[in-house]
Amino acid sequence: MLQITADLKALLLKKSVRTGTFTLASGKQSDLYIDCRMTAMDPFGAALIGELGWHAVRSKIHSEKLSIQAIGGMTLGADPISLAIGMASARNHPEEALQVFTVRKEPKGHGAGKQIEGNFTPGQNIVVVDDVITTGGSTLKAIDAIERDGGVVKFAIVLVDREEGGREAIEARGIHVIPLFTRSTLLS
């Protein structure tokens, strides 16, 4: 896992991390912008995220003897990460393969009017995913939608925790967060 971690860190730094002055989704100003989609939608990045993410998820499942059926989060940031981890679970441990779903920002205005699309069923134990957490707002919005539709969120996995209070906000809801990288580990 050390080589996968090093390779993913290098790719994130090359493709996803920018310094300067940026306005974040939260409205806050920052000297750091992290666009994880550039890495997560790269085929090599997706493969690395899948392996490292599945290793982290599977370790948590086994250490706490959890039963998890599905993985997903708020579109668009969580989508490639959820799929990569789901694919790695099916490839490496088919008996533990995770189904993948996505949470829309708002329920669809037509058809069945669903907010959650894909392989989600009420009553499932869920791992919620986000690409980057700053305040935790989008992750909490996804958790609210999942719980409202009958899912049971067991824990969260995030590609990068910016270490700006988001992890603490999510954990205040009783949902443990596993970051693959933090701002500190990514930039060290």
N, C-alpha and C. Protein backbone atom coordinates (compact mmCIF):
# COMPACT_ATOMS: atom_id res chain seq x y z
N MET A 1 0.81 -1.20 0.00
CA MET A 1 0.00 0.00 0.00
C MET A 1 0.85 1.27 0.00
N LEU A 2 2.09 1.16 0.49
CA LEU A 2 2.94 2.36 0.53
C LEU A 2 3.20 2.93 -0.85
N GLN A 3 3.45 2.05 -1.83
CA GLN A 3 3.73 2.52 -3.19
C GLN A 3 2.47 3.12 -3.81
N ILE A 4 1.31 2.48 -3.59
CA ILE A 4 0.05 3.02 -4.11
C ILE A 4 -0.21 4.39 -3.51
N THR A 5 0.00 4.53 -2.20
CA THR A 5 -0.19 5.82 -1.53
C THR A 5 0.74 6.87 -2.12
N ALA A 6 1.99 6.52 -2.31
CA ALA A 6 2.97 7.48 -2.87
C ALA A 6 2.60 7.86 -4.30
N ASP A 7 2.19 6.89 -5.10
CA ASP A 7 1.81 7.16 -6.49
C ASP A 7 0.57 8.05 -6.56
N LEU A 8 -0.42 7.78 -5.70
CA LEU A 8 -1.63 8.59 -5.69
C LEU A 8 -1.34 10.00 -5.22
N LYS A 9 -0.50 10.14 -4.20
CA LYS A 9 -0.12 11.47 -3.72
C LYS A 9 0.56 12.26 -4.84
N ALA A 10 1.47 11.64 -5.55
CA ALA A 10 2.17 12.32 -6.64
C ALA A 10 1.19 12.76 -7.73
N LEU A 11 0.23 11.91 -8.06
CA LEU A 11 -0.75 12.26 -9.09
C LEU A 11 -1.68 13.38 -8.62
N LEU A 12 -2.11 13.33 -7.36
CA LEU A 12 -2.93 14.42 -6.81
C LEU A 12 -2.17 15.75 -6.88
N LEU A 13 -0.92 15.73 -6.46
CA LEU A 13 -0.12 16.96 -6.48
C LEU A 13 0.07 17.48 -7.91
N LYS A 14 0.23 16.58 -8.85
CA LYS A 14 0.44 16.98 -10.24
C LYS A 14 -0.85 17.50 -10.89
N LYS A 15 -1.96 16.82 -10.66
CA LYS A 15 -3.17 17.11 -11.42
C LYS A 15 -4.23 17.89 -10.65
N SER A 16 -4.26 17.79 -9.33
CA SER A 16 -5.41 18.30 -8.58
C SER A 16 -5.15 19.46 -7.64
N VAL A 17 -3.91 19.70 -7.27
CA VAL A 17 -3.61 20.73 -6.26
C VAL A 17 -3.10 22.00 -6.94
N ARG A 18 -3.75 23.12 -6.58
CA ARG A 18 -3.34 24.43 -7.09
C ARG A 18 -3.21 25.38 -5.92
N THR A 19 -2.23 26.27 -5.98
CA THR A 19 -2.07 27.31 -4.97
C THR A 19 -2.34 28.66 -5.61
N GLY A 20 -2.75 29.60 -4.80
CA GLY A 20 -3.11 30.93 -5.27
C GLY A 20 -4.17 31.49 -4.35
N THR A 21 -5.13 32.22 -4.89
CA THR A 21 -6.25 32.74 -4.13
C THR A 21 -7.53 32.22 -4.76
N PHE A 22 -8.34 31.50 -3.96
CA PHE A 22 -9.53 30.84 -4.48
C PHE A 22 -10.70 31.08 -3.54
N THR A 23 -11.91 31.13 -4.12
CA THR A 23 -13.14 31.13 -3.34
C THR A 23 -13.69 29.71 -3.40
N LEU A 24 -13.87 29.10 -2.24
CA LEU A 24 -14.35 27.73 -2.15
C LEU A 24 -15.88 27.69 -2.19
N ALA A 25 -16.45 26.49 -2.35
CA ALA A 25 -17.90 26.32 -2.37
C ALA A 25 -18.55 26.89 -1.11
N SER A 26 -17.82 26.84 -0.01
CA SER A 26 -18.33 27.36 1.27
C SER A 26 -18.37 28.89 1.28
N GLY A 27 -17.74 29.52 0.28
CA GLY A 27 -17.64 30.98 0.25
C GLY A 27 -16.36 31.49 0.88
N LYS A 28 -15.63 30.61 1.57
CA LYS A 28 -14.38 31.00 2.22
C LYS A 28 -13.28 31.21 1.18
N GLN A 29 -12.35 32.10 1.51
CA GLN A 29 -11.16 32.30 0.69
C GLN A 29 -10.09 31.31 1.14
N SER A 30 -9.31 30.81 0.19
CA SER A 30 -8.26 29.86 0.53
C SER A 30 -7.06 30.05 -0.39
N ASP A 31 -5.90 29.66 0.11
CA ASP A 31 -4.68 29.68 -0.68
C ASP A 31 -4.46 28.35 -1.40
N LEU A 32 -5.42 27.42 -1.22
CA LEU A 32 -5.27 26.07 -1.77
C LEU A 32 -6.57 25.62 -2.42
N TYR A 33 -6.49 25.14 -3.65
CA TYR A 33 -7.65 24.57 -4.35
C TYR A 33 -7.29 23.14 -4.71
N ILE A 34 -8.20 22.22 -4.39
CA ILE A 34 -7.96 20.81 -4.70
C ILE A 34 -9.13 20.32 -5.53
N ASP A 35 -8.88 20.05 -6.81
CA ASP A 35 -9.89 19.54 -7.73
C ASP A 35 -9.63 18.05 -7.93
N CYS A 36 -10.16 17.24 -7.04
CA CYS A 36 -9.90 15.80 -7.07
C CYS A 36 -10.45 15.11 -8.31
N ARG A 37 -11.39 15.75 -9.00
CA ARG A 37 -11.94 15.14 -10.22
C ARG A 37 -10.85 14.92 -11.25
N MET A 38 -9.87 15.79 -11.29
CA MET A 38 -8.78 15.65 -12.27
C MET A 38 -8.00 14.35 -12.04
N THR A 39 -7.89 13.93 -10.81
CA THR A 39 -7.21 12.68 -10.48
C THR A 39 -8.17 11.51 -10.54
N ALA A 40 -9.36 11.68 -9.97
CA ALA A 40 -10.32 10.57 -9.90
C ALA A 40 -10.84 10.15 -11.27
N MET A 41 -10.83 11.07 -12.24
CA MET A 41 -11.30 10.75 -13.58
C MET A 41 -10.16 10.40 -14.53
N ASP A 42 -8.98 10.34 -14.01
CA ASP A 42 -7.82 9.85 -14.75
C ASP A 42 -7.81 8.33 -14.55
N PRO A 43 -7.64 7.51 -15.59
CA PRO A 43 -7.72 6.06 -15.39
C PRO A 43 -6.70 5.52 -14.40
N PHE A 44 -5.52 6.07 -14.37
CA PHE A 44 -4.51 5.63 -13.41
C PHE A 44 -4.88 6.09 -12.00
N GLY A 45 -5.37 7.32 -11.89
CA GLY A 45 -5.81 7.84 -10.60
C GLY A 45 -6.97 7.03 -10.05
N ALA A 46 -7.93 6.71 -10.91
CA ALA A 46 -9.08 5.91 -10.47
C ALA A 46 -8.63 4.55 -9.96
N ALA A 47 -7.69 3.93 -10.66
CA ALA A 47 -7.19 2.62 -10.23
C ALA A 47 -6.51 2.71 -8.86
N LEU A 48 -5.72 3.75 -8.66
CA LEU A 48 -5.04 3.95 -7.37
C LEU A 48 -6.04 4.24 -6.26
N ILE A 49 -7.00 5.11 -6.54
CA ILE A 49 -8.04 5.44 -5.55
C ILE A 49 -8.82 4.18 -5.19
N GLY A 50 -9.16 3.38 -6.19
CA GLY A 50 -9.90 2.15 -5.93
C GLY A 50 -9.16 1.22 -4.99
N GLU A 51 -7.89 1.00 -5.27
CA GLU A 51 -7.11 0.08 -4.44
C GLU A 51 -6.92 0.61 -3.02
N LEU A 52 -6.49 1.87 -2.90
CA LEU A 52 -6.24 2.45 -1.58
C LEU A 52 -7.55 2.62 -0.81
N GLY A 53 -8.59 3.08 -1.51
CA GLY A 53 -9.89 3.27 -0.86
C GLY A 53 -10.49 1.95 -0.39
N TRP A 54 -10.42 0.91 -1.24
CA TRP A 54 -10.96 -0.39 -0.84
C TRP A 54 -10.17 -0.96 0.33
N HIS A 55 -8.87 -0.78 0.33
CA HIS A 55 -8.06 -1.25 1.46
C HIS A 55 -8.52 -0.58 2.76
N ALA A 56 -8.74 0.73 2.72
CA ALA A 56 -9.18 1.47 3.91
C ALA A 56 -10.58 1.05 4.35
N VAL A 57 -11.49 0.93 3.38
CA VAL A 57 -12.86 0.53 3.69
C VAL A 57 -12.89 -0.88 4.25
N ARG A 58 -12.19 -1.80 3.60
CA ARG A 58 -12.19 -3.20 4.04
C ARG A 58 -11.56 -3.34 5.44
N SER A 59 -10.51 -2.57 5.70
CA SER A 59 -9.89 -2.60 7.03
C SER A 59 -10.89 -2.17 8.10
N LYS A 60 -11.65 -1.11 7.84
CA LYS A 60 -12.65 -0.62 8.79
C LYS A 60 -13.77 -1.66 8.96
N ILE A 61 -14.22 -2.25 7.86
CA ILE A 61 -15.28 -3.26 7.91
C ILE A 61 -14.85 -4.43 8.80
N HIS A 62 -13.63 -4.91 8.58
CA HIS A 62 -13.16 -6.08 9.32
C HIS A 62 -12.81 -5.75 10.77
N SER A 63 -12.22 -4.59 11.02
CA SER A 63 -11.83 -4.26 12.40
C SER A 63 -13.06 -4.05 13.29
N GLU A 64 -14.16 -3.57 12.70
CA GLU A 64 -15.37 -3.32 13.49
C GLU A 64 -16.47 -4.34 13.23
N LYS A 65 -16.14 -5.39 12.42
CA LYS A 65 -17.10 -6.45 12.10
C LYS A 65 -18.40 -5.87 11.56
N LEU A 66 -18.27 -4.99 10.57
CA LEU A 66 -19.43 -4.34 9.95
C LEU A 66 -19.89 -5.12 8.72
N SER A 67 -21.13 -4.97 8.42
CA SER A 67 -21.70 -5.48 7.18
C SER A 67 -22.08 -4.25 6.35
N ILE A 68 -21.45 -4.08 5.21
CA ILE A 68 -21.69 -2.91 4.35
C ILE A 68 -22.15 -3.43 2.99
N GLN A 69 -23.21 -2.83 2.47
CA GLN A 69 -23.74 -3.26 1.18
C GLN A 69 -23.45 -2.28 0.04
N ALA A 70 -23.33 -0.98 0.33
CA ALA A 70 -23.22 -0.02 -0.76
C ALA A 70 -22.35 1.16 -0.37
N ILE A 71 -21.92 1.88 -1.41
CA ILE A 71 -21.04 3.03 -1.25
C ILE A 71 -21.47 4.12 -2.24
N GLY A 72 -21.50 5.38 -1.76
CA GLY A 72 -21.86 6.47 -2.65
C GLY A 72 -21.85 7.78 -1.91
N GLY A 73 -22.06 8.85 -2.67
CA GLY A 73 -22.07 10.18 -2.08
C GLY A 73 -22.60 11.19 -3.07
N MET A 74 -22.40 12.46 -2.73
CA MET A 74 -22.94 13.56 -3.51
C MET A 74 -22.26 13.66 -4.88
N THR A 75 -23.10 13.72 -5.91
CA THR A 75 -22.58 13.91 -7.26
C THR A 75 -21.97 15.31 -7.35
N LEU A 76 -20.99 15.53 -7.99
CA LEU A 76 -20.21 14.81 -8.95
C LEU A 76 -18.91 14.30 -8.33
N GLY A 77 -18.49 14.95 -7.26
CA GLY A 77 -17.19 14.62 -6.68
C GLY A 77 -17.05 13.20 -6.20
N ALA A 78 -18.11 12.65 -5.61
CA ALA A 78 -18.02 11.30 -5.05
C ALA A 78 -18.15 10.20 -6.11
N ASP A 79 -18.75 10.51 -7.24
CA ASP A 79 -19.09 9.47 -8.22
C ASP A 79 -17.91 8.62 -8.69
N PRO A 80 -16.83 9.22 -9.20
CA PRO A 80 -15.73 8.37 -9.67
C PRO A 80 -15.02 7.63 -8.54
N ILE A 81 -15.01 8.23 -7.35
CA ILE A 81 -14.35 7.60 -6.20
C ILE A 81 -15.17 6.39 -5.74
N SER A 82 -16.48 6.56 -5.63
CA SER A 82 -17.35 5.45 -5.24
C SER A 82 -17.24 4.30 -6.22
N LEU A 83 -17.29 4.63 -7.51
CA LEU A 83 -17.20 3.58 -8.53
C LEU A 83 -15.85 2.87 -8.49
N ALA A 84 -14.77 3.63 -8.32
CA ALA A 84 -13.43 3.02 -8.27
C ALA A 84 -13.32 2.06 -7.09
N ILE A 85 -13.83 2.47 -5.92
CA ILE A 85 -13.76 1.60 -4.74
C ILE A 85 -14.67 0.39 -4.92
N GLY A 86 -15.86 0.60 -5.48
CA GLY A 86 -16.77 -0.51 -5.75
C GLY A 86 -16.16 -1.52 -6.70
N MET A 87 -15.50 -1.03 -7.75
CA MET A 87 -14.85 -1.93 -8.72
C MET A 87 -13.71 -2.69 -8.07
N ALA A 88 -12.92 -2.02 -7.23
CA ALA A 88 -11.82 -2.71 -6.54
C ALA A 88 -12.37 -3.77 -5.59
N SER A 89 -13.50 -3.49 -4.94
CA SER A 89 -14.08 -4.48 -4.04
C SER A 89 -14.51 -5.72 -4.82
N ALA A 90 -15.11 -5.52 -5.98
CA ALA A 90 -15.56 -6.65 -6.81
C ALA A 90 -14.39 -7.44 -7.37
N ARG A 91 -13.34 -6.74 -7.75
CA ARG A 91 -12.16 -7.39 -8.34
C ARG A 91 -11.37 -8.17 -7.29
N ASN A 92 -11.21 -7.60 -6.11
CA ASN A 92 -10.34 -8.19 -5.09
C ASN A 92 -11.06 -9.14 -4.14
N HIS A 93 -12.32 -8.86 -3.83
CA HIS A 93 -13.09 -9.67 -2.87
C HIS A 93 -14.54 -9.71 -3.32
N PRO A 94 -14.86 -10.46 -4.38
CA PRO A 94 -16.22 -10.45 -4.94
C PRO A 94 -17.31 -10.77 -3.92
N GLU A 95 -16.96 -11.55 -2.91
CA GLU A 95 -17.95 -11.90 -1.88
C GLU A 95 -18.31 -10.70 -1.00
N GLU A 96 -17.51 -9.63 -1.05
CA GLU A 96 -17.75 -8.42 -0.27
C GLU A 96 -18.03 -7.21 -1.17
N ALA A 97 -18.29 -7.45 -2.44
CA ALA A 97 -18.43 -6.35 -3.41
C ALA A 97 -19.50 -5.35 -2.97
N LEU A 98 -19.17 -4.09 -3.09
CA LEU A 98 -20.07 -3.00 -2.72
C LEU A 98 -20.84 -2.51 -3.94
N GLN A 99 -22.13 -2.32 -3.78
CA GLN A 99 -22.94 -1.69 -4.80
C GLN A 99 -22.68 -0.18 -4.75
N VAL A 100 -22.87 0.48 -5.88
CA VAL A 100 -22.53 1.91 -5.99
C VAL A 100 -23.78 2.72 -6.35
N PHE A 101 -23.89 3.88 -5.74
CA PHE A 101 -25.00 4.80 -6.02
C PHE A 101 -24.49 6.23 -5.98
N THR A 102 -25.35 7.16 -6.38
CA THR A 102 -25.02 8.58 -6.33
C THR A 102 -26.19 9.35 -5.73
N VAL A 103 -25.87 10.44 -5.07
CA VAL A 103 -26.89 11.31 -4.46
C VAL A 103 -26.92 12.61 -5.26
N ARG A 104 -28.09 12.92 -5.81
CA ARG A 104 -28.27 14.19 -6.52
C ARG A 104 -28.33 15.33 -5.51
N LYS A 105 -27.99 16.52 -5.95
CA LYS A 105 -28.08 17.69 -5.08
C LYS A 105 -29.55 17.96 -4.69
N GLU A 106 -30.47 17.70 -5.59
CA GLU A 106 -31.90 17.86 -5.36
C GLU A 106 -32.62 16.68 -6.01
N PRO A 107 -33.80 16.31 -5.50
CA PRO A 107 -34.55 15.24 -6.16
C PRO A 107 -34.86 15.60 -7.61
N LYS A 108 -34.91 14.59 -8.46
CA LYS A 108 -35.22 14.79 -9.87
C LYS A 108 -36.61 15.41 -10.00
N GLY A 109 -36.77 16.31 -10.93
CA GLY A 109 -38.05 16.98 -11.14
C GLY A 109 -39.00 16.21 -12.04
N HIS A 110 -38.60 15.03 -12.49
CA HIS A 110 -39.45 14.24 -13.38
C HIS A 110 -39.24 12.75 -13.08
N GLY A 111 -39.95 11.91 -13.79
CA GLY A 111 -39.81 10.47 -13.56
C GLY A 111 -40.23 10.11 -12.15
N ALA A 112 -39.41 9.31 -11.48
CA ALA A 112 -39.71 8.87 -10.12
C ALA A 112 -39.38 9.94 -9.08
N GLY A 113 -38.73 11.02 -9.49
CA GLY A 113 -38.41 12.12 -8.57
C GLY A 113 -37.41 11.74 -7.48
N LYS A 114 -36.52 10.80 -7.81
CA LYS A 114 -35.58 10.31 -6.80
C LYS A 114 -34.39 11.26 -6.63
N GLN A 115 -33.85 11.27 -5.42
CA GLN A 115 -32.62 12.01 -5.16
C GLN A 115 -31.43 11.07 -5.18
N ILE A 116 -31.66 9.79 -4.89
CA ILE A 116 -30.58 8.80 -4.90
C ILE A 116 -30.79 7.88 -6.10
N GLU A 117 -29.76 7.76 -6.92
CA GLU A 117 -29.82 6.95 -8.15
C GLU A 117 -28.77 5.84 -8.08
N GLY A 118 -29.08 4.74 -8.70
CA GLY A 118 -28.13 3.64 -8.75
C GLY A 118 -28.53 2.52 -7.82
N ASN A 119 -27.55 1.80 -7.33
CA ASN A 119 -27.77 0.59 -6.56
C ASN A 119 -27.89 0.88 -5.06
N PHE A 120 -29.01 1.48 -4.71
CA PHE A 120 -29.32 1.84 -3.33
C PHE A 120 -30.67 1.26 -2.97
N THR A 121 -30.75 0.64 -1.78
CA THR A 121 -31.99 0.09 -1.27
C THR A 121 -32.15 0.51 0.19
N PRO A 122 -33.34 0.98 0.57
CA PRO A 122 -33.54 1.32 1.98
C PRO A 122 -33.16 0.15 2.89
N GLY A 123 -32.55 0.47 4.03
CA GLY A 123 -32.13 -0.55 4.98
C GLY A 123 -30.67 -0.97 4.82
N GLN A 124 -30.05 -0.60 3.69
CA GLN A 124 -28.64 -0.96 3.49
C GLN A 124 -27.73 -0.20 4.42
N ASN A 125 -26.63 -0.86 4.81
CA ASN A 125 -25.54 -0.20 5.52
C ASN A 125 -24.63 0.43 4.48
N ILE A 126 -24.30 1.69 4.68
CA ILE A 126 -23.67 2.53 3.65
C ILE A 126 -22.34 3.10 4.12
N VAL A 127 -21.41 3.23 3.16
CA VAL A 127 -20.22 4.07 3.32
C VAL A 127 -20.48 5.30 2.46
N VAL A 128 -20.46 6.48 3.08
CA VAL A 128 -20.65 7.71 2.32
C VAL A 128 -19.27 8.22 1.88
N VAL A 129 -19.22 8.81 0.68
CA VAL A 129 -17.97 9.21 0.05
C VAL A 129 -18.01 10.70 -0.27
N ASP A 130 -16.85 11.35 -0.15
CA ASP A 130 -16.68 12.70 -0.70
C ASP A 130 -15.27 12.81 -1.23
N ASP A 131 -15.08 13.72 -2.16
CA ASP A 131 -13.74 13.90 -2.71
C ASP A 131 -12.90 14.78 -1.80
N VAL A 132 -13.44 15.93 -1.41
CA VAL A 132 -12.73 16.87 -0.53
C VAL A 132 -13.71 17.35 0.52
N ILE A 133 -13.27 17.39 1.79
CA ILE A 133 -14.12 18.02 2.80
C ILE A 133 -13.41 19.26 3.34
N THR A 134 -14.20 20.33 3.42
CA THR A 134 -13.74 21.58 4.01
C THR A 134 -14.59 21.83 5.25
N THR A 135 -15.85 22.22 5.03
CA THR A 135 -16.77 22.43 6.15
C THR A 135 -17.55 21.16 6.48
N GLY A 136 -17.59 20.22 5.53
CA GLY A 136 -18.37 18.99 5.69
C GLY A 136 -19.79 19.12 5.18
N GLY A 137 -20.15 20.29 4.68
CA GLY A 137 -21.53 20.57 4.27
C GLY A 137 -22.09 19.62 3.22
N SER A 138 -21.35 19.35 2.16
CA SER A 138 -21.88 18.47 1.11
C SER A 138 -21.96 17.03 1.59
N THR A 139 -21.01 16.61 2.41
CA THR A 139 -21.06 15.25 2.96
C THR A 139 -22.27 15.11 3.87
N LEU A 140 -22.52 16.11 4.71
CA LEU A 140 -23.68 16.07 5.60
C LEU A 140 -24.99 16.09 4.82
N LYS A 141 -25.02 16.83 3.73
CA LYS A 141 -26.22 16.85 2.87
C LYS A 141 -26.46 15.46 2.27
N ALA A 142 -25.40 14.79 1.84
CA ALA A 142 -25.53 13.43 1.31
C ALA A 142 -26.01 12.47 2.41
N ILE A 143 -25.45 12.60 3.60
CA ILE A 143 -25.86 11.75 4.73
C ILE A 143 -27.35 11.96 5.03
N ASP A 144 -27.78 13.22 5.03
CA ASP A 144 -29.20 13.50 5.29
C ASP A 144 -30.09 12.82 4.25
N ALA A 145 -29.73 12.90 2.98
CA ALA A 145 -30.53 12.28 1.91
C ALA A 145 -30.55 10.77 2.05
N ILE A 146 -29.40 10.18 2.34
CA ILE A 146 -29.31 8.72 2.50
C ILE A 146 -30.17 8.26 3.67
N GLU A 147 -30.05 8.95 4.79
CA GLU A 147 -30.84 8.57 5.97
C GLU A 147 -32.33 8.80 5.75
N ARG A 148 -32.68 9.88 5.07
CA ARG A 148 -34.10 10.17 4.78
C ARG A 148 -34.71 9.06 3.91
N ASP A 149 -33.89 8.49 3.02
CA ASP A 149 -34.38 7.41 2.14
C ASP A 149 -34.17 6.02 2.73
N GLY A 150 -33.78 5.93 4.01
CA GLY A 150 -33.73 4.65 4.70
C GLY A 150 -32.38 3.97 4.75
N GLY A 151 -31.32 4.62 4.28
CA GLY A 151 -29.98 4.04 4.38
C GLY A 151 -29.41 4.28 5.77
N VAL A 152 -28.46 3.43 6.16
CA VAL A 152 -27.81 3.53 7.46
C VAL A 152 -26.32 3.81 7.20
N VAL A 153 -25.91 5.04 7.43
CA VAL A 153 -24.52 5.43 7.17
C VAL A 153 -23.65 4.93 8.32
N LYS A 154 -22.69 4.07 8.01
CA LYS A 154 -21.81 3.49 9.03
C LYS A 154 -20.53 4.29 9.21
N PHE A 155 -19.99 4.83 8.13
CA PHE A 155 -18.81 5.68 8.20
C PHE A 155 -18.63 6.38 6.87
N ALA A 156 -17.66 7.31 6.82
CA ALA A 156 -17.38 8.08 5.61
C ALA A 156 -15.92 7.89 5.20
N ILE A 157 -15.69 7.97 3.91
CA ILE A 157 -14.32 7.98 3.39
C ILE A 157 -14.20 9.19 2.47
N VAL A 158 -13.09 9.88 2.59
CA VAL A 158 -12.86 11.09 1.81
C VAL A 158 -11.46 11.02 1.23
N LEU A 159 -11.31 11.49 0.00
CA LEU A 159 -9.99 11.49 -0.64
C LEU A 159 -9.07 12.48 0.06
N VAL A 160 -9.54 13.72 0.29
CA VAL A 160 -8.70 14.73 0.96
C VAL A 160 -9.53 15.50 1.99
N ASP A 161 -9.04 15.52 3.22
CA ASP A 161 -9.59 16.35 4.29
C ASP A 161 -8.73 17.61 4.37
N ARG A 162 -9.34 18.75 4.09
CA ARG A 162 -8.60 20.01 4.11
C ARG A 162 -8.24 20.46 5.53
N GLU A 163 -8.70 19.74 6.54
CA GLU A 163 -8.41 20.06 7.95
C GLU A 163 -8.92 21.46 8.32
N GLU A 164 -10.17 21.74 7.91
CA GLU A 164 -10.77 23.04 8.21
C GLU A 164 -12.09 22.89 8.95
N GLY A 165 -12.24 21.77 9.69
CA GLY A 165 -13.42 21.59 10.53
C GLY A 165 -14.48 20.66 9.98
N GLY A 166 -14.39 20.29 8.72
CA GLY A 166 -15.40 19.42 8.13
C GLY A 166 -15.45 18.03 8.74
N ARG A 167 -14.29 17.47 8.97
CA ARG A 167 -14.23 16.13 9.57
C ARG A 167 -14.89 16.15 10.95
N GLU A 168 -14.59 17.17 11.74
CA GLU A 168 -15.17 17.29 13.08
C GLU A 168 -16.69 17.45 13.01
N ALA A 169 -17.19 18.20 12.01
CA ALA A 169 -18.63 18.40 11.87
C ALA A 169 -19.34 17.09 11.54
N ILE A 170 -18.73 16.29 10.69
CA ILE A 170 -19.31 14.99 10.33
C ILE A 170 -19.24 14.04 11.52
N GLU A 171 -18.10 14.01 12.20
CA GLU A 171 -17.94 13.12 13.34
C GLU A 171 -18.83 13.53 14.51
N ALA A 172 -19.22 14.81 14.59
CA ALA A 172 -20.16 15.25 15.62
C ALA A 172 -21.52 14.59 15.44
N ARG A 173 -21.80 14.12 14.22
CA ARG A 173 -23.03 13.39 13.94
C ARG A 173 -22.88 11.90 14.25
N GLY A 174 -21.71 11.50 14.76
CA GLY A 174 -21.49 10.10 15.10
C GLY A 174 -21.01 9.25 13.93
N ILE A 175 -20.52 9.90 12.87
CA ILE A 175 -20.06 9.19 11.68
C ILE A 175 -18.56 9.39 11.54
N HIS A 176 -17.81 8.30 11.75
CA HIS A 176 -16.35 8.35 11.65
C HIS A 176 -15.93 8.64 10.21
N VAL A 177 -14.91 9.47 10.05
CA VAL A 177 -14.38 9.85 8.73
C VAL A 177 -12.98 9.27 8.56
N ILE A 178 -12.78 8.58 7.45
CA ILE A 178 -11.47 8.06 7.08
C ILE A 178 -10.95 8.89 5.91
N PRO A 179 -9.96 9.74 6.13
CA PRO A 179 -9.36 10.48 5.01
C PRO A 179 -8.20 9.66 4.42
N LEU A 180 -8.17 9.56 3.10
CA LEU A 180 -7.01 8.92 2.48
C LEU A 180 -5.81 9.85 2.58
N PHE A 181 -6.07 11.16 2.49
CA PHE A 181 -5.04 12.18 2.68
C PHE A 181 -5.66 13.33 3.47
N THR A 182 -4.82 14.03 4.22
CA THR A 182 -5.21 15.30 4.82
C THR A 182 -4.38 16.37 4.12
N ARG A 183 -4.76 17.62 4.34
CA ARG A 183 -3.95 18.71 3.79
C ARG A 183 -2.49 18.52 4.21
N SER A 184 -2.28 18.20 5.49
CA SER A 184 -0.91 18.05 6.01
C SER A 184 -0.15 16.93 5.33
N THR A 185 -0.78 15.75 5.19
CA THR A 185 -0.06 14.62 4.58
C THR A 185 0.12 14.81 3.09
N LEU A 186 -0.82 15.49 2.45
CA LEU A 186 -0.71 15.72 1.00
C LEU A 186 0.40 16.70 0.67
N LEU A 187 0.52 17.74 1.49
CA LEU A 187 1.49 18.80 1.19
C LEU A 187 2.84 18.59 1.86
N SER A 188 2.98 17.53 2.69
CA SER A 188 4.26 17.31 3.37
C SER A 188 5.30 16.71 2.43
